Amino acid sequence: MSPRDPLGIAGQTIVDKYRIEKLVGEGGFAVVYRAMHTIWNKPVAIKFFNGLSSAPMDQRDQFRDAFIQEGALLTELSSQTAGIVQARDVGEYTTPNGQWMPYMVLEWLEGKALDELLETERTAGLPPWSLPELVHVLGQAASALDVAHGKGIAHRDIKPANLFVLGEQARSGQATVKVLDFGVAKMMSDNTQLKAALAKTGMGITSFTPQYGAPEQFNRSYGATGPWTDVYALALVAVEMLTGKNALDGDDLIQLAFASGNPEKRPTPRALGAAVSDPVERVFQRALAVRPEDRYSRAREFWKDLESAAAGSFSDTVLHPGEVQPARSPATEPAARLGSGLGAGSTNTSSPSTVTTTGVKSKSSLGAVVGVVGGVVALGVVAFLLLGRKDSSGAHVEPEKAPPAAAPLPSAAAAASSSAAKAPSCPEGMVLIPAGQFFMGSDSKDANPNQKPSHNVSLGGFCMDLYEVTAKQYRECSDVGKCRRATPEVEWEKITPADKKVYSGLCTISSSEKSDHPINCIDWEMASTYCQNNDRRLPTEAEWEYATRGPDGRVYPWGDEAPTAQHLNACGTECLAWAKENKVSQQFPGALYEADDGFATTAPVGKFPAGRSRFGPYDVVGNVWEWVADWQGPYQAGNQKDPAGPDSGEKRVIRGGSWNGSYPEWLHPSFRFAADPKFRSHGVGFRCARSL
């Protein structure tokens, strides 16, 4: 073992599927390693709770069960919002030297935790964040938190280290934010047997970071903790970003506790020197009220008021929903881009209308934190370890005890013990799409006739692949004779020899360098057979649209903001350059965005996290169109439940647009097209679904 490999497991494969690569984070209670899933060939983060290695043998089963419950809770919450880091697996592990410990496998995130981002900006001399920049970025965290708040579950350790920012341009409005470490600290601190076991080692646990602590976390006489506690912490983070200063002023636990509960000096933006409007200041005064009953009760209420109060401050800079490029003619374009086997006759040809400081003190002395190392997730340790403290006279001071009457809300584990532990689960590589309803199609005057009428659809829960099926995965199926071998050649009616040569060169099955790109150049039957051989199926058209847009009617999978080169792989400047260089006969009318997205044709799956749908799947628009189960047919008016489309037909539906798409309309979740089932194109692939 070495300081850079405290468990002595780097280079080893554990539990038969995780190849440990390197340590990426370390704290007093847990260590985090980057690992590669050997079956899916995808990176993951594995958090080993080595602080529990001294747990008594007779209590380990209880601790393991508690972690399983927390993993189930995290899976349930992250299935309802892309803003919460996803748990992939939980279990227990014994190291080569005999150390037992539980572990949790989480999705691997590329980016920086907000605390590291803010420190980097301060070092570079950047000014504090503006109000519109802050509203956009932290609004994503508020939305994710409110999903949990709606279930009566609080995080209780919101801080910059637990807010992870994906994307390079955090202030540009393109960054995606995820909330880390839901539930684990509270589960550990509420476990009386665990606390007793740790007490023997001289450690106690309180599940928050003092620099972002609410009064009720320092002293339970203020009342119970709950969603309002998260509101307080989120407001402190916002104040820090607005001012570049610590929101709570103090060098030790006692000073921070006083600052948190001092009614004469609330840590609002104006108190720390920020010039904000009266309405904005009033919102923060309420969010940072000393008494929990005087605060907003949940994140949605806080952020809704902040957005309203700030509206006059950023009306000229906010991205306008649906803002797109000048109109072209997207309705029949898929046939021109992908081949004449597509259902061009099912759509209209009308053009759509155009839619128009002072530095922050170091926190390392007060909180046990696993930072972000090398720009990748290291998942902050959420337990603040109190080793005992002394007052000025040298007398030992015990951590403050809660009065009996101030009973807290149940922990996240307890709140979900009956539901989360029994929640439906999906196989690895898939995400749960919860049951719900939405309006399928579109009644917009610019929508194609085959998108009308908009109608209400109710769906049961189901599983959906996180990623489009890759060339490697398809080859593994065909190599064992379960799937028909993919032919590295496109095929559609009236294709010219020159175009066939160019486009066949894009079939990902023929290039070892594109094994992690989506499989393409396959027909509907091949896609359906692959899914069936993996105990799955193609999603219905309704399932695909719901998984892509959710219930809120958003314009794009990620929201209402116009598509950019950070959201998806579509036709940017790189695509136009490829078409010109290869002299293809199909006309490319222009770029979707005037930028290079990094991939002239297909891209490896999962490269555009900013474009994920609200439920989590990557690349639901762009990269390749996706076969779905349905035959092409007109929509029927009226409410429907679990529709499966016509019983027969001539063409099968494809959804989602592809790498050569120039039209924003292709990216609307309601946009439909269809193809001959035997059609094989460089721009069409698939993903699978599974019934619960």
Foldseek 3Di string as FASTA:
>chain_A
DDPFCVLPQAQHDPPPFWHWHTWFWDWDFWTKTWTAGRPVRAIKIKIWRLNCQQPDPVCVVVVQVLVLLVLLLQQVLLLQFVQAWHWFDKDWDAGPVGGITIMTITHWAFFFQQVVVLVVCVVVVHAFADLVLLLLACVLVQVSQVSQVVLFAHQQADDSQQKTWHDDCSSQSLIGIHGFDRFPLLSQLPPVSNQVSVVVVLKGWQQYFLLQFALCSQAVVLFADTQLRVLSSSLQNSLCRQEQERLADDDANVSSSCSNQPQVQHSFNVSRPGDFDPQLRVLSCQSSPNRSVSHPSHSVVSSVSNCVRCCVVDVPPDFDFQQFDAKDWPQQVVCLVWHVQWDSVQWDGDIDHGDHYDHYDDRVVFATFIGGGPRIDTGTDRIGIDSWDADPVRDTDDRDDYDPVRDYDDGSSVSCVVPSSPDDDDHRQKGKNAWDKAFFFDPDPRAIQQRDDTAMETEHMWIWGLWAAFLLLLVVCVVVPQAPDQDLWFDDPPDDPLQRVVFSVLQQNVDPVRRLWHGFQFFQVRQQSSQVVVQFGFAALVVLLCQQAPHPQAQFQLHRGQDDLLQEQAFEPLQVVVCVVSVDPRDQPHARYHDDSPDNFADRIPRRQSNHGRSRRTCSAERAWAFGQEADDGDDYYYYYPDRYDPDYQWTKTAHYYNHDNDSNSRGSNDIMTGGRRGTTSRYGHITMHGD
